[in-house]
Amino acid sequence: MQLMSDEFYMAMALELAREAAAEGETPVGAVVVRKDGLIAGKGRNRREKNRNALCHAEIEAVNEACKTLGGWRLSGCTMYVTLEPCPMCAGAIINSRIDRVVYAAHDSKAGSAGSVVNLFGLGYNHKPQLETGVMHAESEALLKEFFETLRRKRKMFRTKLVEVKTAEQVKSVAALADEIWHEWFPGIISAEQIDYMVEKFQSEKAVTEQFEKGGYRYYLILKGSTYIGYTAIRGDSDGRLFLSKIYIKKEYRGNGYAREVFEFMKEYCRENGFKAIWLTVNKHNDHASAVYEKCGFRIVGEDVTDIGNGYVMDDYFFQLDV
């Protein structure tokens, strides 16, 4: 086993950062190396995927290094990280007794190794040696490209999805459902069944129960200052995302807003590890079926479901692989 140069290990951390960027995570990678050259731990950002504020590259690398070396003390180790550690990660470095920290790019907003504050220089019982700027240009370029791409994507969208969390937002969903369902479904199902399904599945009580107990997440589709529709999703144990509902008001249809929602859902799948999006469509809802097929969905099954009160849902199952 041979100890290599700082550039060698930082290049390894940068490769981990690129992997993070490919999954929609802020591109940060970290590597913990023992003084004899053993690579004890690696990590990269997974905060979005795991929905966990603790899932920073440094924390992941420290955790793996502790397992590899069989203890919490990482004395004799160096951490290579592509971005200056935040306060949480600087604290983990101090508490794990890492001897040396080498980072590439400065972080003017959260950097805690000199940019905002230098935790390593305060009166803690351990003070790691600090070196900066190794492969700085490469890390800066990666971060710049990532955030520029993110900004371009956001500018492309004319709508915004607002997650439903308040009682007032639930009321907005229920009002939209009542309006859209009674405008859209006549001729497909009876007026009585529309009333029944809106009450059973889209009333304020039903929507609240779905996202509080059923694992559903509801989003209002916002254009400017106006809610033009809504959508709902649920992650399933088979690795697919169930697109439970997507409805847009009549005057806003045909403008590509549904496609924007699908793009949001595809990105959501990539970030959260879902392999496909699936949904149900009434067999007589020809227009909706045509829209889904145009967006790349394909029929993968069909079923008739009893929903009570003498009514059924006679549906096709559509799926889009991500």
Protein backbone atom coordinates (compact mmCIF):
# COMPACT_ATOMS: atom_id res chain seq x y z
CA MET A 1 0.00 0.00 0.00
CA GLN A 2 1.45 3.38 -1.00
CA LEU A 3 0.45 6.90 -0.09
CA MET A 4 -0.20 8.93 -3.24
CA SER A 5 -0.30 12.69 -3.86
CA ASP A 6 -3.04 15.05 -2.67
CA GLU A 7 -4.10 15.49 -6.30
CA PHE A 8 -4.60 11.74 -6.67
CA TYR A 9 -7.07 11.53 -3.80
CA MET A 10 -8.80 14.80 -4.68
CA ALA A 11 -9.37 13.45 -8.20
CA MET A 12 -11.09 10.49 -6.58
CA ALA A 13 -13.28 12.85 -4.54
CA LEU A 14 -14.13 14.79 -7.71
CA GLU A 15 -15.28 11.61 -9.40
CA LEU A 16 -17.65 11.02 -6.48
CA ALA A 17 -18.87 14.61 -6.85
CA ARG A 18 -19.62 13.98 -10.53
CA GLU A 19 -21.65 10.92 -9.55
CA ALA A 20 -23.65 13.12 -7.18
CA ALA A 21 -24.27 15.71 -9.90
CA ALA A 22 -25.51 13.00 -12.27
CA GLU A 23 -28.22 12.19 -9.72
CA GLY A 24 -29.25 15.80 -9.23
CA GLU A 25 -27.29 16.29 -6.00
CA THR A 26 -24.98 19.22 -5.28
CA PRO A 27 -21.64 17.87 -6.55
CA VAL A 28 -19.54 17.22 -3.46
CA GLY A 29 -17.36 14.17 -2.89
CA ALA A 30 -15.13 13.16 0.01
CA VAL A 31 -12.45 10.53 0.64
CA VAL A 32 -10.81 9.55 3.95
CA VAL A 33 -7.26 8.18 3.55
CA ARG A 34 -5.10 6.60 6.27
CA LYS A 35 -1.43 7.66 6.47
CA ASP A 36 -0.31 4.39 4.86
CA GLY A 37 -2.49 5.02 1.79
CA LEU A 38 -5.49 2.89 2.76
CA ILE A 39 -8.71 4.42 1.45
CA ALA A 40 -10.85 4.02 4.56
CA GLY A 41 -14.00 5.82 3.49
CA LYS A 42 -15.73 7.48 0.55
CA GLY A 43 -18.82 9.66 0.40
CA ARG A 44 -20.90 11.93 -1.79
CA ASN A 45 -23.96 14.06 -1.35
CA ARG A 46 -27.23 12.12 -1.12
CA ARG A 47 -29.33 14.69 0.71
CA GLU A 48 -32.05 14.99 -1.94
CA LYS A 49 -32.26 11.27 -2.64
CA ASN A 50 -32.42 10.27 1.02
CA ARG A 51 -34.36 13.39 2.07
CA ASN A 52 -32.02 13.68 4.99
CA ALA A 53 -30.06 16.78 6.03
CA LEU A 54 -27.30 14.56 7.43
CA CYS A 55 -26.42 12.95 4.08
CA HIS A 56 -23.42 15.10 3.20
CA ALA A 57 -20.34 13.66 1.53
CA GLU A 58 -18.10 14.14 4.56
CA ILE A 59 -20.55 12.46 6.95
CA GLU A 60 -20.85 9.48 4.64
CA ALA A 61 -17.05 9.21 4.30
CA VAL A 62 -16.50 9.46 8.08
CA ASN A 63 -19.16 6.83 8.72
CA GLU A 64 -17.59 4.40 6.25
CA ALA A 65 -14.08 5.06 7.58
CA CYS A 66 -15.16 4.30 11.15
CA LYS A 67 -16.58 0.97 9.98
CA THR A 68 -13.47 0.16 7.96
CA LEU A 69 -11.04 0.97 10.77
CA GLY A 70 -13.22 -0.41 13.56
CA GLY A 71 -13.50 2.65 15.74
CA TRP A 72 -14.61 6.26 15.97
CA ARG A 73 -11.10 7.71 16.20
CA LEU A 74 -9.71 8.45 12.74
CA SER A 75 -6.33 9.67 13.95
CA GLY A 76 -3.68 9.42 11.27
CA CYS A 77 -6.21 10.05 8.49
CA THR A 78 -6.65 12.84 5.95
CA MET A 79 -10.00 13.89 4.49
CA TYR A 80 -10.07 15.10 0.90
CA VAL A 81 -13.28 16.96 0.03
CA THR A 82 -14.21 18.95 -3.07
CA LEU A 83 -16.01 21.74 -1.18
CA GLU A 84 -15.19 23.46 2.08
CA PRO A 85 -16.98 21.65 4.94
CA CYS A 86 -20.15 23.11 6.44
CA PRO A 87 -20.47 23.46 10.26
CA MET A 88 -22.02 20.01 10.62
CA CYS A 89 -19.26 18.32 8.66
CA ALA A 90 -16.51 20.36 10.30
CA GLY A 91 -17.88 19.18 13.65
CA ALA A 92 -17.82 15.56 12.50
CA ILE A 93 -14.21 15.97 11.37
CA ILE A 94 -13.22 17.40 14.75
CA ASN A 95 -15.10 14.72 16.70
CA SER A 96 -13.59 11.89 14.65
CA ARG A 97 -10.06 13.23 15.28
CA ILE A 98 -9.10 13.39 11.61
CA ASP A 99 -5.57 14.81 11.46
CA ARG A 100 -5.71 16.74 8.20
CA VAL A 101 -8.33 18.25 5.90
CA VAL A 102 -7.67 19.12 2.27
CA TYR A 103 -10.49 20.86 0.40
CA ALA A 104 -10.73 22.22 -3.13
CA ALA A 105 -13.34 24.98 -3.50
CA HIS A 106 -14.36 27.62 -0.96
CA ASP A 107 -17.98 27.92 0.18
CA SER A 108 -18.85 31.57 0.86
CA LYS A 109 -22.30 30.71 2.23
CA ALA A 110 -21.66 27.82 4.63
CA GLY A 111 -17.91 27.18 4.64
CA SER A 112 -16.73 26.55 8.19
CA ALA A 113 -13.03 26.13 7.53
CA GLY A 114 -12.31 29.81 6.90
CA SER A 115 -14.98 31.33 4.62
CA VAL A 116 -17.76 32.06 7.14
CA VAL A 117 -15.98 30.81 10.25
CA ASN A 118 -13.00 28.56 10.93
CA LEU A 119 -14.19 25.94 13.40
CA PHE A 120 -10.83 24.21 13.12
CA GLY A 121 -9.16 27.26 14.65
CA LEU A 122 -11.41 27.53 17.71
CA GLY A 123 -10.66 26.17 21.17
CA TYR A 124 -11.86 22.61 20.65
CA ASN A 125 -9.84 19.68 21.97
CA HIS A 126 -8.77 18.74 18.43
CA LYS A 127 -7.48 21.00 15.65
CA PRO A 128 -7.03 19.34 12.23
CA GLN A 129 -4.33 20.65 9.93
CA LEU A 130 -5.97 22.52 7.05
CA GLU A 131 -4.91 22.84 3.41
CA THR A 132 -6.96 24.45 0.64
CA GLY A 133 -7.00 24.94 -3.09
CA VAL A 134 -5.98 21.48 -4.32
CA MET A 135 -7.77 21.08 -7.69
CA HIS A 136 -9.74 24.22 -6.87
CA ALA A 137 -10.43 25.09 -10.53
CA GLU A 138 -11.85 21.64 -11.33
CA SER A 139 -14.20 21.66 -8.35
CA GLU A 140 -15.32 25.25 -9.00
CA ALA A 141 -16.06 24.40 -12.64
CA LEU A 142 -18.13 21.38 -11.64
CA LEU A 143 -20.17 23.39 -9.13
CA LYS A 144 -20.67 26.25 -11.59
CA GLU A 145 -21.87 23.92 -14.35
CA PHE A 146 -24.25 22.15 -11.96
CA PHE A 147 -25.94 25.33 -10.72
CA GLU A 148 -26.11 26.92 -14.18
CA THR A 149 -27.85 23.79 -15.49
CA LEU A 150 -30.23 23.90 -12.52
CA ARG A 151 -31.09 27.54 -13.19
CA ARG A 152 -31.69 26.84 -16.89
CA LYS A 153 -34.07 24.02 -16.03
CA ARG A 154 -36.01 26.20 -13.64
CA LYS A 155 -36.34 28.99 -16.20
CA MET A 156 -37.77 26.53 -18.71
CA PHE A 157 -40.80 25.89 -16.54
CA ARG A 158 -43.69 28.32 -16.63
CA THR A 159 -45.39 26.62 -13.72
CA LYS A 160 -44.38 25.71 -10.18
CA LEU A 161 -45.54 22.77 -8.09
CA VAL A 162 -46.46 23.80 -4.54
CA GLU A 163 -46.70 20.92 -2.08
CA VAL A 164 -49.98 20.85 -0.19
CA LYS A 165 -49.41 21.17 3.55
CA THR A 166 -52.00 23.58 4.97
CA ALA A 167 -55.77 23.36 5.42
CA GLU A 168 -56.17 26.31 3.05
CA GLN A 169 -54.21 24.48 0.34
CA VAL A 170 -56.39 21.38 0.87
CA LYS A 171 -59.46 23.56 0.28
CA SER A 172 -57.91 24.77 -2.98
CA VAL A 173 -57.37 21.18 -4.14
CA ALA A 174 -60.95 20.20 -3.27
CA ALA A 175 -62.35 23.26 -5.08
CA LEU A 176 -60.27 22.54 -8.18
CA ALA A 177 -61.34 18.88 -8.12
CA ASP A 178 -65.02 19.77 -7.89
CA GLU A 179 -64.73 22.19 -10.82
CA ILE A 180 -62.52 20.09 -13.10
CA TRP A 181 -64.20 16.71 -12.52
CA HIS A 182 -67.68 18.11 -13.23
CA GLU A 183 -66.38 19.75 -16.40
CA TRP A 184 -64.21 16.85 -17.66
CA PHE A 185 -65.99 13.59 -16.90
CA PRO A 186 -69.57 14.05 -18.20
CA GLY A 187 -69.94 11.66 -21.13
CA ILE A 188 -67.32 9.35 -19.63
CA ILE A 189 -69.06 8.48 -16.36
CA SER A 190 -72.48 9.45 -15.00
CA ALA A 191 -73.15 12.67 -13.09
CA GLU A 192 -74.02 10.57 -10.03
CA GLN A 193 -70.70 8.72 -10.17
CA ILE A 194 -68.82 12.01 -10.57
CA ASP A 195 -70.48 13.37 -7.42
CA TYR A 196 -69.73 10.14 -5.56
CA MET A 197 -66.07 9.99 -6.61
CA VAL A 198 -65.39 13.67 -5.86
CA GLU A 199 -66.79 13.21 -2.37
CA LYS A 200 -65.05 9.88 -1.76
CA PHE A 201 -61.64 10.71 -3.22
CA GLN A 202 -61.30 14.49 -3.60
CA SER A 203 -63.17 16.13 -0.75
CA GLU A 204 -61.19 18.07 1.86
CA LYS A 205 -61.51 15.14 4.26
CA ALA A 206 -60.41 12.57 1.66
CA VAL A 207 -57.40 14.58 0.48
CA THR A 208 -56.27 15.21 4.06
CA GLU A 209 -56.48 11.50 4.89
CA GLN A 210 -54.58 10.56 1.75
CA PHE A 211 -51.53 12.69 2.49
CA GLU A 212 -51.63 12.21 6.27
CA LYS A 213 -52.20 8.44 6.33
CA GLY A 214 -52.00 7.07 2.80
CA GLY A 215 -48.49 8.15 1.80
CA TYR A 216 -49.72 10.52 -0.91
CA ARG A 217 -48.14 13.87 -1.70
CA TYR A 218 -50.37 16.51 -3.27
CA TYR A 219 -49.12 19.49 -5.28
CA LEU A 220 -50.97 22.53 -6.55
CA ILE A 221 -49.91 23.64 -10.03
CA LEU A 222 -49.16 27.35 -9.81
CA LYS A 223 -48.90 29.65 -12.83
CA GLY A 224 -48.05 33.18 -11.78
CA SER A 225 -50.33 33.71 -8.80
CA THR A 226 -53.08 31.34 -9.99
CA TYR A 227 -53.64 27.69 -9.18
CA ILE A 228 -54.43 26.09 -12.55
CA GLY A 229 -54.64 22.46 -11.43
CA TYR A 230 -53.25 19.85 -9.09
CA THR A 231 -51.48 16.51 -9.02
CA ALA A 232 -50.83 13.74 -6.50
CA ILE A 233 -48.19 11.02 -6.22
CA ARG A 234 -47.33 8.04 -4.04
CA GLY A 235 -44.13 6.02 -3.88
CA ASP A 236 -44.79 2.29 -4.13
CA SER A 237 -42.76 -0.56 -2.64
CA ASP A 238 -42.12 -2.06 -6.10
CA GLY A 239 -39.86 0.86 -7.01
CA ARG A 240 -42.42 2.73 -9.09
CA LEU A 241 -44.02 6.14 -8.54
CA PHE A 242 -47.82 6.14 -8.72
CA LEU A 243 -49.10 9.30 -10.41
CA SER A 244 -52.49 9.23 -8.75
CA LYS A 245 -53.95 12.40 -10.23
CA ILE A 246 -53.12 15.20 -12.62
CA TYR A 247 -55.87 17.65 -13.51
CA ILE A 248 -55.63 21.06 -15.19
CA LYS A 249 -58.42 23.60 -15.62
CA LYS A 250 -60.03 23.74 -19.04
CA GLU A 251 -58.76 27.18 -20.04
CA TYR A 252 -55.13 26.16 -19.43
CA ARG A 253 -55.11 22.83 -21.27
CA GLY A 254 -53.23 22.37 -24.51
CA ASN A 255 -50.35 24.65 -23.47
CA GLY A 256 -47.84 22.02 -22.40
CA TYR A 257 -48.37 22.40 -18.66
CA ALA A 258 -49.03 18.68 -18.18
CA ARG A 259 -45.71 17.92 -19.86
CA GLU A 260 -43.99 20.21 -17.33
CA VAL A 261 -45.56 18.18 -14.54
CA PHE A 262 -44.28 14.97 -16.14
CA GLU A 263 -40.77 16.44 -16.29
CA PHE A 264 -41.03 17.28 -12.59
CA MET A 265 -42.14 13.70 -11.88
CA LYS A 266 -39.28 12.21 -13.91
CA GLU A 267 -36.77 14.33 -11.99
CA TYR A 268 -38.48 13.30 -8.73
CA CYS A 269 -38.02 9.65 -9.73
CA ARG A 270 -34.33 10.11 -10.51
CA GLU A 271 -33.72 11.88 -7.21
CA ASN A 272 -35.62 9.31 -5.16
CA GLY A 273 -34.66 6.08 -6.91
CA PHE A 274 -37.95 5.21 -8.63
CA LYS A 275 -37.60 3.27 -11.87
CA ALA A 276 -40.94 4.16 -13.49
CA ILE A 277 -44.11 6.25 -13.27
CA TRP A 278 -47.45 4.49 -13.53
CA LEU A 279 -51.06 5.69 -13.53
CA THR A 280 -54.61 4.63 -14.30
CA VAL A 281 -56.85 6.03 -17.04
CA ASN A 282 -60.55 5.35 -17.62
CA LYS A 283 -60.85 3.20 -20.75
CA HIS A 284 -63.30 5.68 -22.25
CA ASN A 285 -61.10 8.71 -21.56
CA ASP A 286 -59.61 8.74 -25.07
CA HIS A 287 -58.18 12.24 -24.91
CA ALA A 288 -56.22 11.57 -21.70
CA SER A 289 -54.94 8.27 -23.09
CA ALA A 290 -53.69 10.05 -26.21
CA VAL A 291 -51.88 12.67 -24.09
CA TYR A 292 -50.12 10.00 -22.02
CA GLU A 293 -49.11 8.02 -25.10
CA LYS A 294 -47.70 11.18 -26.70
CA CYS A 295 -45.60 11.73 -23.57
CA GLY A 296 -44.12 8.23 -23.80
CA PHE A 297 -46.43 6.20 -21.55
CA ARG A 298 -47.53 2.72 -22.66
CA ILE A 299 -50.37 0.44 -21.58
CA VAL A 300 -49.12 -2.31 -19.25
CA GLY A 301 -52.42 -3.69 -17.96
CA GLU A 302 -56.07 -3.09 -17.18
CA ASP A 303 -58.51 -3.73 -14.36
CA VAL A 304 -62.04 -3.13 -13.10
CA THR A 305 -62.13 -1.90 -9.49
CA ASP A 306 -65.21 -1.80 -7.28
CA ILE A 307 -65.32 1.59 -5.54
CA GLY A 308 -68.59 1.07 -3.71
CA ASN A 309 -72.17 2.30 -4.11
CA GLY A 310 -72.53 0.15 -7.24
CA TYR A 311 -69.79 2.00 -9.14
CA VAL A 312 -66.57 0.71 -10.68
CA MET A 313 -63.43 2.16 -12.22
CA ASP A 314 -62.73 0.49 -15.57
CA ASP A 315 -59.13 1.50 -16.22
CA TYR A 316 -56.04 0.98 -18.30
CA PHE A 317 -52.68 1.00 -16.50
CA PHE A 318 -50.08 3.21 -18.18
CA GLN A 319 -46.35 3.24 -17.39
CA LEU A 320 -43.36 5.40 -18.28
CA ASP A 321 -39.91 3.97 -17.57
CA VAL A 322 -37.47 6.52 -16.19
